[in-house]
C-alpha atoms as a PDB file:
ATOM      1  CA  MET A   1     -43.475-143.546 159.190  1.00  0.00           C
ATOM      2  CA  LYS A   2     -43.214-140.956 156.391  1.00  0.00           C
ATOM      3  CA  THR A   3     -42.140-143.659 153.929  1.00  0.00           C
ATOM      4  CA  ARG A   4     -45.001-145.902 155.049  1.00  0.00           C
ATOM      5  CA  ILE A   5     -47.565-143.126 154.545  1.00  0.00           C
ATOM      6  CA  ILE A   6     -46.231-142.164 151.098  1.00  0.00           C
ATOM      7  CA  THR A   7     -46.227-145.786 149.975  1.00  0.00           C
ATOM      8  CA  GLY A   8     -49.742-146.267 151.333  1.00  0.00           C
ATOM      9  CA  ILE A   9     -51.002-143.282 149.328  1.00  0.00           C
ATOM     10  CA  TRP A  10     -49.596-144.256 145.920  1.00  0.00           C
ATOM     11  CA  ALA A  11     -50.135-147.999 146.317  1.00  0.00           C
ATOM     12  CA  GLY A  12     -53.665-147.439 147.632  1.00  0.00           C
ATOM     13  CA  ALA A  13     -54.456-145.110 144.726  1.00  0.00           C
ATOM     14  CA  ILE A  14     -53.334-147.710 142.178  1.00  0.00           C
ATOM     15  CA  PHE A  15     -55.213-150.512 143.910  1.00  0.00           C
ATOM     16  CA  LEU A  16     -58.486-148.601 144.337  1.00  0.00           C
ATOM     17  CA  THR A  17     -58.373-147.289 140.750  1.00  0.00           C
ATOM     18  CA  LEU A  18     -57.988-150.783 139.305  1.00  0.00           C
ATOM     19  CA  LEU A  19     -60.576-152.177 141.718  1.00  0.00           C
ATOM     20  CA  TYR A  20     -63.008-149.540 140.479  1.00  0.00           C
ATOM     21  CA  LEU A  21     -62.248-150.284 136.819  1.00  0.00           C
ATOM     22  CA  GLY A  22     -62.743-154.033 137.268  1.00  0.00           C
ATOM     23  CA  GLY A  23     -62.847-156.194 134.137  1.00  0.00           C
ATOM     24  CA  ILE A  24     -59.642-157.034 132.284  1.00  0.00           C
ATOM     25  CA  PRO A  25     -57.525-154.339 134.027  1.00  0.00           C
ATOM     26  CA  PHE A  26     -58.297-155.755 137.470  1.00  0.00           C
ATOM     27  CA  LEU A  27     -57.927-159.359 136.290  1.00  0.00           C
ATOM     28  CA  ALA A  28     -54.493-158.518 134.836  1.00  0.00           C
ATOM     29  CA  PHE A  29     -53.547-156.664 138.026  1.00  0.00           C
ATOM     30  CA  MET A  30     -54.411-159.705 140.137  1.00  0.00           C
ATOM     31  CA  GLY A  31     -52.332-161.844 137.770  1.00  0.00           C
ATOM     32  CA  VAL A  32     -49.317-159.584 138.264  1.00  0.00           C
ATOM     33  CA  LEU A  33     -49.755-159.669 142.049  1.00  0.00           C
ATOM     34  CA  THR A  34     -49.969-163.467 141.835  1.00  0.00           C
ATOM     35  CA  LEU A  35     -46.589-163.728 140.124  1.00  0.00           C
ATOM     36  CA  ILE A  36     -45.026-161.276 142.589  1.00  0.00           C
ATOM     37  CA  GLY A  37     -46.441-163.213 145.554  1.00  0.00           C
ATOM     38  CA  TYR A  38     -45.180-166.456 144.010  1.00  0.00           C
ATOM     39  CA  HIS A  39     -41.727-164.902 143.628  1.00  0.00           C
ATOM     40  CA  GLU A  40     -41.703-163.775 147.266  1.00  0.00           C
ATOM     41  CA  LEU A  41     -42.435-167.291 148.503  1.00  0.00           C
ATOM     42  CA  ILE A  42     -39.937-169.103 146.268  1.00  0.00           C
ATOM     43  CA  ARG A  43     -37.311-166.563 147.310  1.00  0.00           C
ATOM     44  CA  MET A  44     -37.917-167.509 150.939  1.00  0.00           C
ATOM     45  CA  ARG A  45     -37.422-171.147 149.932  1.00  0.00           C
ATOM     46  CA  ARG A  46     -34.213-170.117 148.079  1.00  0.00           C
ATOM     47  CA  LEU A  47     -35.406-171.545 144.775  1.00  0.00           C
ATOM     48  CA  LYS A  48     -34.149-170.068 141.509  1.00  0.00           C
ATOM     49  CA  TRP A  49     -36.096-168.942 138.450  1.00  0.00           C
ATOM     50  CA  THR A  50     -33.577-170.855 136.349  1.00  0.00           C
ATOM     51  CA  SER A  51     -35.210-174.096 137.539  1.00  0.00           C
ATOM     52  CA  VAL A  52     -37.710-175.608 135.079  1.00  0.00           C
ATOM     53  CA  PRO A  53     -40.264-176.566 137.787  1.00  0.00           C
ATOM     54  CA  VAL A  54     -40.197-173.014 139.199  1.00  0.00           C
ATOM     55  CA  ILE A  55     -41.123-171.639 135.755  1.00  0.00           C
ATOM     56  CA  LEU A  56     -43.798-174.292 135.181  1.00  0.00           C
ATOM     57  CA  PHE A  57     -45.442-173.710 138.543  1.00  0.00           C
ATOM     58  CA  ALA A  58     -45.325-169.939 137.931  1.00  0.00           C
ATOM     59  CA  LEU A  59     -47.414-170.552 134.809  1.00  0.00           C
ATOM     60  CA  ALA A  60     -49.690-172.808 136.855  1.00  0.00           C
ATOM     61  CA  THR A  61     -50.475-169.951 139.247  1.00  0.00           C
ATOM     62  CA  LEU A  62     -52.210-168.228 136.321  1.00  0.00           C
ATOM     63  CA  LEU A  63     -54.404-171.208 135.378  1.00  0.00           C
ATOM     64  CA  PRO A  64     -57.221-170.236 137.794  1.00  0.00           C
ATOM     65  CA  PHE A  65     -57.400-166.855 136.043  1.00  0.00           C
ATOM     66  CA  ALA A  66     -58.271-168.606 132.782  1.00  0.00           C
ATOM     67  CA  ALA A  67     -61.279-170.161 134.496  1.00  0.00           C
ATOM     68  CA  VAL A  68     -62.281-166.823 136.053  1.00  0.00           C
ATOM     69  CA  TYR A  69     -62.015-165.054 132.697  1.00  0.00           C
ATOM     70  CA  GLN A  70     -64.023-167.666 130.819  1.00  0.00           C
ATOM     71  CA  GLU A  71     -66.772-167.681 133.430  1.00  0.00           C
ATOM     72  CA  TRP A  72     -66.900-163.887 133.371  1.00  0.00           C
ATOM     73  CA  SER A  73     -66.899-163.609 129.583  1.00  0.00           C
ATOM     74  CA  GLY A  74     -69.235-166.584 129.111  1.00  0.00           C
ATOM     75  CA  SER A  75     -67.128-167.670 126.136  1.00  0.00           C
ATOM     76  CA  THR A  76     -66.801-171.387 126.887  1.00  0.00           C
ATOM     77  CA  PRO A  77     -67.836-173.936 129.517  1.00  0.00           C
ATOM     78  CA  GLU A  78     -65.886-174.231 132.743  1.00  0.00           C
ATOM     79  CA  LEU A  79     -62.279-175.371 132.537  1.00  0.00           C
ATOM     80  CA  GLY A  80     -62.322-177.521 135.671  1.00  0.00           C
ATOM     81  CA  LEU A  81     -61.053-180.839 134.264  1.00  0.00           C
ATOM     82  CA  PRO A  82     -58.548-179.396 131.737  1.00  0.00           C
ATOM     83  CA  LEU A  83     -57.144-177.108 134.453  1.00  0.00           C
ATOM     84  CA  LEU A  84     -56.704-180.059 136.784  1.00  0.00           C
ATOM     85  CA  SER A  85     -55.060-182.061 134.003  1.00  0.00           C
ATOM     86  CA  TRP A  86     -52.581-179.295 133.219  1.00  0.00           C
ATOM     87  CA  ALA A  87     -51.788-178.849 136.907  1.00  0.00           C
ATOM     88  CA  MET A  88     -51.187-182.588 137.315  1.00  0.00           C
ATOM     89  CA  LEU A  89     -48.930-182.614 134.254  1.00  0.00           C
ATOM     90  CA  ILE A  90     -46.812-179.849 135.799  1.00  0.00           C
ATOM     91  CA  VAL A  91     -46.565-181.826 139.046  1.00  0.00           C
ATOM     92  CA  LEU A  92     -45.457-184.949 137.171  1.00  0.00           C
ATOM     93  CA  ILE A  93     -42.835-183.067 135.124  1.00  0.00           C
ATOM     94  CA  SER A  94     -41.488-181.548 138.338  1.00  0.00           C
ATOM     95  CA  LEU A  95     -41.319-184.981 139.973  1.00  0.00           C
ATOM     96  CA  PHE A  96     -39.407-186.279 136.951  1.00  0.00           C
ATOM     97  CA  PHE A  97     -37.063-183.312 137.410  1.00  0.00           C
ATOM     98  CA  THR A  98     -36.143-184.557 140.904  1.00  0.00           C
ATOM     99  CA  VAL A  99     -34.725-187.643 139.174  1.00  0.00           C
ATOM    100  CA  PHE A 100     -32.916-185.749 136.410  1.00  0.00           C
ATOM    101  CA  SER A 101     -31.382-183.333 138.922  1.00  0.00           C
ATOM    102  CA  LYS A 102     -30.293-186.254 141.143  1.00  0.00           C
ATOM    103  CA  ASN A 103     -32.272-184.783 144.043  1.00  0.00           C
ATOM    104  CA  VAL A 104     -30.638-181.367 143.844  1.00  0.00           C
ATOM    105  CA  PHE A 105     -34.236-180.340 143.266  1.00  0.00           C
ATOM    106  CA  THR A 106     -36.165-182.377 145.818  1.00  0.00           C
ATOM    107  CA  PHE A 107     -39.610-183.792 146.486  1.00  0.00           C
ATOM    108  CA  ASP A 108     -39.939-181.200 149.258  1.00  0.00           C
ATOM    109  CA  ASP A 109     -39.297-178.448 146.707  1.00  0.00           C
ATOM    110  CA  VAL A 110     -42.095-179.799 144.499  1.00  0.00           C
ATOM    111  CA  SER A 111     -44.413-179.816 147.520  1.00  0.00           C
ATOM    112  CA  VAL A 112     -43.573-176.199 148.374  1.00  0.00           C
ATOM    113  CA  LEU A 113     -44.132-175.084 144.778  1.00  0.00           C
ATOM    114  CA  LEU A 114     -47.469-176.882 144.580  1.00  0.00           C
ATOM    115  CA  LEU A 115     -48.682-175.388 147.858  1.00  0.00           C
ATOM    116  CA  THR A 116     -47.429-171.942 146.824  1.00  0.00           C
ATOM    117  CA  THR A 117     -49.218-172.196 143.487  1.00  0.00           C
ATOM    118  CA  VAL A 118     -52.564-173.079 145.074  1.00  0.00           C
ATOM    119  CA  TYR A 119     -52.202-170.623 147.961  1.00  0.00           C
ATOM    120  CA  VAL A 120     -51.266-167.631 145.817  1.00  0.00           C
ATOM    121  CA  GLY A 121     -52.939-168.471 142.498  1.00  0.00           C
ATOM    122  CA  VAL A 122     -56.341-169.473 143.882  1.00  0.00           C
ATOM    123  CA  GLY A 123     -56.223-166.664 146.461  1.00  0.00           C
ATOM    124  CA  PHE A 124     -55.814-163.810 143.990  1.00  0.00           C
ATOM    125  CA  ALA A 125     -58.063-165.485 141.388  1.00  0.00           C
ATOM    126  CA  SER A 126     -60.826-165.732 144.008  1.00  0.00           C
ATOM    127  CA  PHE A 127     -60.499-162.002 144.627  1.00  0.00           C
ATOM    128  CA  ALA A 128     -60.782-161.401 140.875  1.00  0.00           C
ATOM    129  CA  HIS A 129     -63.801-163.707 140.654  1.00  0.00           C
ATOM    130  CA  ILE A 130     -65.714-161.743 143.307  1.00  0.00           C
ATOM    131  CA  ARG A 131     -64.820-158.387 141.725  1.00  0.00           C
ATOM    132  CA  LEU A 132     -66.051-159.539 138.309  1.00  0.00           C
ATOM    133  CA  LEU A 133     -69.514-160.404 139.628  1.00  0.00           C
ATOM    134  CA  GLU A 134     -72.333-158.049 138.628  1.00  0.00           C
ATOM    135  CA  ASN A 135     -72.236-156.229 141.968  1.00  0.00           C
ATOM    136  CA  GLY A 136     -68.609-157.152 142.577  1.00  0.00           C
ATOM    137  CA  LEU A 137     -67.342-153.661 143.325  1.00  0.00           C
ATOM    138  CA  SER A 138     -69.589-153.130 146.338  1.00  0.00           C
ATOM    139  CA  LEU A 139     -69.084-156.712 147.544  1.00  0.00           C
ATOM    140  CA  SER A 140     -65.295-156.427 147.257  1.00  0.00           C
ATOM    141  CA  LEU A 141     -65.268-153.080 149.062  1.00  0.00           C
ATOM    142  CA  LEU A 142     -67.400-154.512 151.864  1.00  0.00           C
ATOM    143  CA  VAL A 143     -65.032-157.456 152.371  1.00  0.00           C
ATOM    144  CA  ILE A 144     -61.960-155.219 152.228  1.00  0.00           C
ATOM    145  CA  LEU A 145     -63.486-152.831 154.767  1.00  0.00           C
ATOM    146  CA  LEU A 146     -64.382-155.752 157.044  1.00  0.00           C
ATOM    147  CA  ILE A 147     -60.761-156.914 156.895  1.00  0.00           C
ATOM    148  CA  TRP A 148     -59.418-153.429 157.574  1.00  0.00           C
ATOM    149  CA  PHE A 149     -61.827-152.871 160.467  1.00  0.00           C
ATOM    150  CA  THR A 150     -60.847-156.260 161.890  1.00  0.00           C
ATOM    151  CA  ASP A 151     -57.169-155.329 161.717  1.00  0.00           C
ATOM    152  CA  SER A 152     -57.815-151.912 163.262  1.00  0.00           C
ATOM    153  CA  GLY A 153     -60.005-153.320 166.032  1.00  0.00           C
ATOM    154  CA  ALA A 154     -57.461-156.034 166.818  1.00  0.00           C
ATOM    155  CA  TYR A 155     -54.629-153.511 166.931  1.00  0.00           C
ATOM    156  CA  PHE A 156     -56.253-150.811 169.059  1.00  0.00           C
ATOM    157  CA  VAL A 157     -58.108-153.135 171.437  1.00  0.00           C
ATOM    158  CA  GLY A 158     -55.022-155.310 171.785  1.00  0.00           C
ATOM    159  CA  LYS A 159     -52.888-152.245 172.433  1.00  0.00           C
ATOM    160  CA  SER A 160     -55.163-150.877 175.155  1.00  0.00           C
ATOM    161  CA  LEU A 161     -56.697-154.000 176.723  1.00  0.00           C
ATOM    162  CA  GLY A 162     -54.667-156.933 175.492  1.00  0.00           C
ATOM    163  CA  LYS A 163     -53.231-159.198 178.202  1.00  0.00           C
ATOM    164  CA  THR A 164     -53.756-162.788 177.039  1.00  0.00           C
ATOM    165  CA  LYS A 165     -51.404-163.854 174.260  1.00  0.00           C
ATOM    166  CA  LEU A 166     -53.252-165.369 171.301  1.00  0.00           C
ATOM    167  CA  TRP A 167     -50.464-167.444 169.768  1.00  0.00           C
ATOM    168  CA  PRO A 168     -47.074-166.301 171.081  1.00  0.00           C
ATOM    169  CA  ALA A 169     -45.056-168.970 169.242  1.00  0.00           C
ATOM    170  CA  ILE A 170     -46.303-167.584 165.913  1.00  0.00           C
ATOM    171  CA  SER A 171     -47.084-163.911 166.533  1.00  0.00           C
ATOM    172  CA  PRO A 172     -46.052-162.701 170.007  1.00  0.00           C
ATOM    173  CA  ASN A 173     -47.843-159.339 169.790  1.00  0.00           C
ATOM    174  CA  LYS A 174     -51.350-160.615 169.061  1.00  0.00           C
ATOM    175  CA  THR A 175     -53.766-161.037 171.956  1.00  0.00           C
ATOM    176  CA  VAL A 176     -57.086-162.768 172.526  1.00  0.00           C
ATOM    177  CA  GLU A 177     -58.639-159.449 173.532  1.00  0.00           C
ATOM    178  CA  GLY A 178     -57.420-157.872 170.305  1.00  0.00           C
ATOM    179  CA  ALA A 179     -58.799-160.742 168.214  1.00  0.00           C
ATOM    180  CA  VAL A 180     -62.220-160.410 169.867  1.00  0.00           C
ATOM    181  CA  GLY A 181     -62.101-156.633 169.416  1.00  0.00           C
ATOM    182  CA  GLY A 182     -61.443-157.103 165.718  1.00  0.00           C
ATOM    183  CA  ILE A 183     -64.450-159.404 165.359  1.00  0.00           C
ATOM    184  CA  VAL A 184     -66.713-156.995 167.257  1.00  0.00           C
ATOM    185  CA  LEU A 185     -65.667-154.007 165.141  1.00  0.00           C
ATOM    186  CA  ALA A 186     -66.211-156.003 161.939  1.00  0.00           C
ATOM    187  CA  VAL A 187     -69.718-156.982 163.089  1.00  0.00           C
ATOM    188  CA  LEU A 188     -70.519-153.337 163.905  1.00  0.00           C
ATOM    189  CA  LEU A 189     -69.368-152.316 160.423  1.00  0.00           C
ATOM    190  CA  GLY A 190     -71.546-155.020 158.880  1.00  0.00           C
ATOM    191  CA  ILE A 191     -74.600-153.766 160.795  1.00  0.00           C
ATOM    192  CA  VAL A 192     -73.931-150.154 159.762  1.00  0.00           C
ATOM    193  CA  PHE A 193     -73.506-151.273 156.144  1.00  0.00           C
ATOM    194  CA  GLU A 194     -76.840-153.102 156.232  1.00  0.00           C
ATOM    195  CA  LEU A 195     -78.563-150.076 157.782  1.00  0.00           C
ATOM    196  CA  ILE A 196     -77.222-147.763 155.072  1.00  0.00           C
ATOM    197  CA  SER A 197     -77.557-150.163 152.141  1.00  0.00           C
ATOM    198  CA  PRO A 198     -79.863-153.115 152.873  1.00  0.00           C
ATOM    199  CA  THR A 199     -78.399-156.001 150.897  1.00  0.00           C
ATOM    200  CA  PHE A 200     -78.080-159.255 152.819  1.00  0.00           C
ATOM    201  CA  GLY A 201     -80.259-158.926 155.918  1.00  0.00           C
ATOM    202  CA  PHE A 202     -78.800-158.486 159.403  1.00  0.00           C
ATOM    203  CA  GLY A 203     -78.319-162.187 160.108  1.00  0.00           C
ATOM    204  CA  PRO A 204     -76.322-162.949 156.927  1.00  0.00           C
ATOM    205  CA  VAL A 205     -74.245-159.765 157.132  1.00  0.00           C
ATOM    206  CA  ILE A 206     -73.300-160.498 160.750  1.00  0.00           C
ATOM    207  CA  LEU A 207     -72.366-164.057 159.757  1.00  0.00           C
ATOM    208  CA  LEU A 208     -70.289-162.693 156.869  1.00  0.00           C
ATOM    209  CA  ALA A 209     -68.542-160.230 159.206  1.00  0.00           C
ATOM    210  CA  VAL A 210     -67.676-162.986 161.693  1.00  0.00           C
ATOM    211  CA  ILE A 211     -66.362-165.289 158.926  1.00  0.00           C
ATOM    212  CA  VAL A 212     -64.248-162.513 157.400  1.00  0.00           C
ATOM    213  CA  ALA A 213     -62.894-161.413 160.784  1.00  0.00           C
ATOM    214  CA  VAL A 214     -61.985-164.926 161.950  1.00  0.00           C
ATOM    215  CA  VAL A 215     -60.601-166.157 158.622  1.00  0.00           C
ATOM    216  CA  GLY A 216     -58.767-162.880 158.021  1.00  0.00           C
ATOM    217  CA  GLN A 217     -56.956-163.120 161.348  1.00  0.00           C
ATOM    218  CA  LEU A 218     -56.115-166.767 160.667  1.00  0.00           C
ATOM    219  CA  GLY A 219     -54.735-165.728 157.273  1.00  0.00           C
ATOM    220  CA  ASP A 220     -52.499-163.206 158.993  1.00  0.00           C
ATOM    221  CA  LEU A 221     -51.283-165.913 161.393  1.00  0.00           C
ATOM    222  CA  VAL A 222     -50.588-168.266 158.485  1.00  0.00           C
ATOM    223  CA  GLN A 223     -48.254-165.704 156.978  1.00  0.00           C
ATOM    224  CA  SER A 224     -46.624-165.056 160.340  1.00  0.00           C
ATOM    225  CA  ALA A 225     -46.038-168.808 160.641  1.00  0.00           C
ATOM    226  CA  TYR A 226     -44.249-169.288 157.339  1.00  0.00           C
ATOM    227  CA  LYS A 227     -42.243-166.066 157.686  1.00  0.00           C
ATOM    228  CA  ARG A 228     -41.083-167.249 161.107  1.00  0.00           C
ATOM    229  CA  HIS A 229     -40.271-170.657 159.591  1.00  0.00           C
ATOM    230  CA  TYR A 230     -38.101-169.045 156.924  1.00  0.00           C
ATOM    231  CA  GLY A 231     -36.626-166.487 159.312  1.00  0.00           C
ATOM    232  CA  VAL A 232     -37.727-163.339 157.478  1.00  0.00           C
ATOM    233  CA  LYS A 233     -39.400-160.196 158.769  1.00  0.00           C
ATOM    234  CA  ASP A 234     -41.223-159.271 155.556  1.00  0.00           C
ATOM    235  CA  SER A 235     -42.201-161.309 152.511  1.00  0.00           C
ATOM    236  CA  GLY A 236     -40.544-158.745 150.247  1.00  0.00           C
ATOM    237  CA  ALA A 237     -39.483-155.125 149.861  1.00  0.00           C
ATOM    238  CA  LEU A 238     -41.647-153.955 146.957  1.00  0.00           C
ATOM    239  CA  LEU A 239     -43.697-151.632 149.178  1.00  0.00           C
ATOM    240  CA  PRO A 240     -41.331-149.494 151.287  1.00  0.00           C
ATOM    241  CA  GLY A 241     -42.528-149.343 154.881  1.00  0.00           C
ATOM    242  CA  HIS A 242     -45.052-152.123 154.283  1.00  0.00           C
ATOM    243  CA  GLY A 243     -42.997-155.084 153.073  1.00  0.00           C
ATOM    244  CA  GLY A 244     -44.057-157.262 150.166  1.00  0.00           C
ATOM    245  CA  ILE A 245     -47.269-158.069 148.334  1.00  0.00           C
ATOM    246  CA  LEU A 246     -48.008-161.038 150.595  1.00  0.00           C
ATOM    247  CA  ASP A 247     -47.620-158.791 153.639  1.00  0.00           C
ATOM    248  CA  ARG A 248     -50.473-156.624 152.348  1.00  0.00           C
ATOM    249  CA  PHE A 249     -52.747-159.268 150.836  1.00  0.00           C
ATOM    250  CA  ASP A 250     -52.298-162.232 153.201  1.00  0.00           C
ATOM    251  CA  SER A 251     -55.754-161.927 154.760  1.00  0.00           C
ATOM    252  CA  MET A 252     -57.515-160.997 151.516  1.00  0.00           C
ATOM    253  CA  MET A 253     -56.254-164.052 149.634  1.00  0.00           C
ATOM    254  CA  ILE A 254     -57.598-166.465 152.207  1.00  0.00           C
ATOM    255  CA  VAL A 255     -60.820-164.554 152.937  1.00  0.00           C
ATOM    256  CA  PHE A 256     -61.835-164.319 149.275  1.00  0.00           C
ATOM    257  CA  THR A 257     -60.954-167.993 148.757  1.00  0.00           C
ATOM    258  CA  VAL A 258     -63.204-169.030 151.651  1.00  0.00           C
ATOM    259  CA  ILE A 259     -66.019-166.787 150.349  1.00  0.00           C
ATOM    260  CA  VAL A 260     -65.816-168.453 146.922  1.00  0.00           C
ATOM    261  CA  VAL A 261     -65.603-171.966 148.368  1.00  0.00           C
ATOM    262  CA  LEU A 262     -68.624-171.363 150.622  1.00  0.00           C
ATOM    263  CA  GLY A 263     -70.529-169.675 147.797  1.00  0.00           C
ATOM    264  CA  LEU A 264     -71.455-166.741 150.017  1.00  0.00           C
ATOM    265  CA  PHE A 265     -71.986-164.318 147.127  1.00  0.00           C
ATOM    266  CA  GLU A 266     -73.399-166.773 144.581  1.00  0.00           C
END
């Protein structure tokens, strides 16, 4: 517990400082987390950095950040088509590599790398995109607090009242009562936020809270599913007492992606 607390203090201080700074420092920070998250997933798959496709897809995880930067800086039009073209080129080169390696590197490996690239790269880039909006600091803090309150509500309600297993094959400790408790606490936080700082209106902020709470818990289950598939307890060991980067940002990556896709803050 002592190690967990110490890690939480220094890691939280770094994260909150860079979140406050925003701009290039936060964009670069998200890029670093993207590469670490990518590494954690390919390590589970037992892929090596000496493989050409692994290196190419690592570069591909950073492509969404180019689009985020250019939109933020207003330097050039959107990179949508060129980004897609570069991504497709990387996929094709990797498929060619399955032939050259005589299936030592397989089609399944290409599929895992592609999914990893989208999951991690778009997830962290979406977070960066929201933070770089004009009022991105307050919006990001609200979403993060909604996720934390959801986790806390799910934990404490599940601990005290939980009886019905939510998804025992994936995460045996989660309960339906805990999941509902997490949603309720997130909604209460959203209402308090709107009372203190009227921004969205009560209807939209409640809808946002429900979306964040539901999607955040699904994001946590997604990570539980692939960790169980690969037979690992934590995604990594970078954060003593907490696990890896994906262990800490699993919900955030998916929540911020859904927010961007739905255009909730646009």
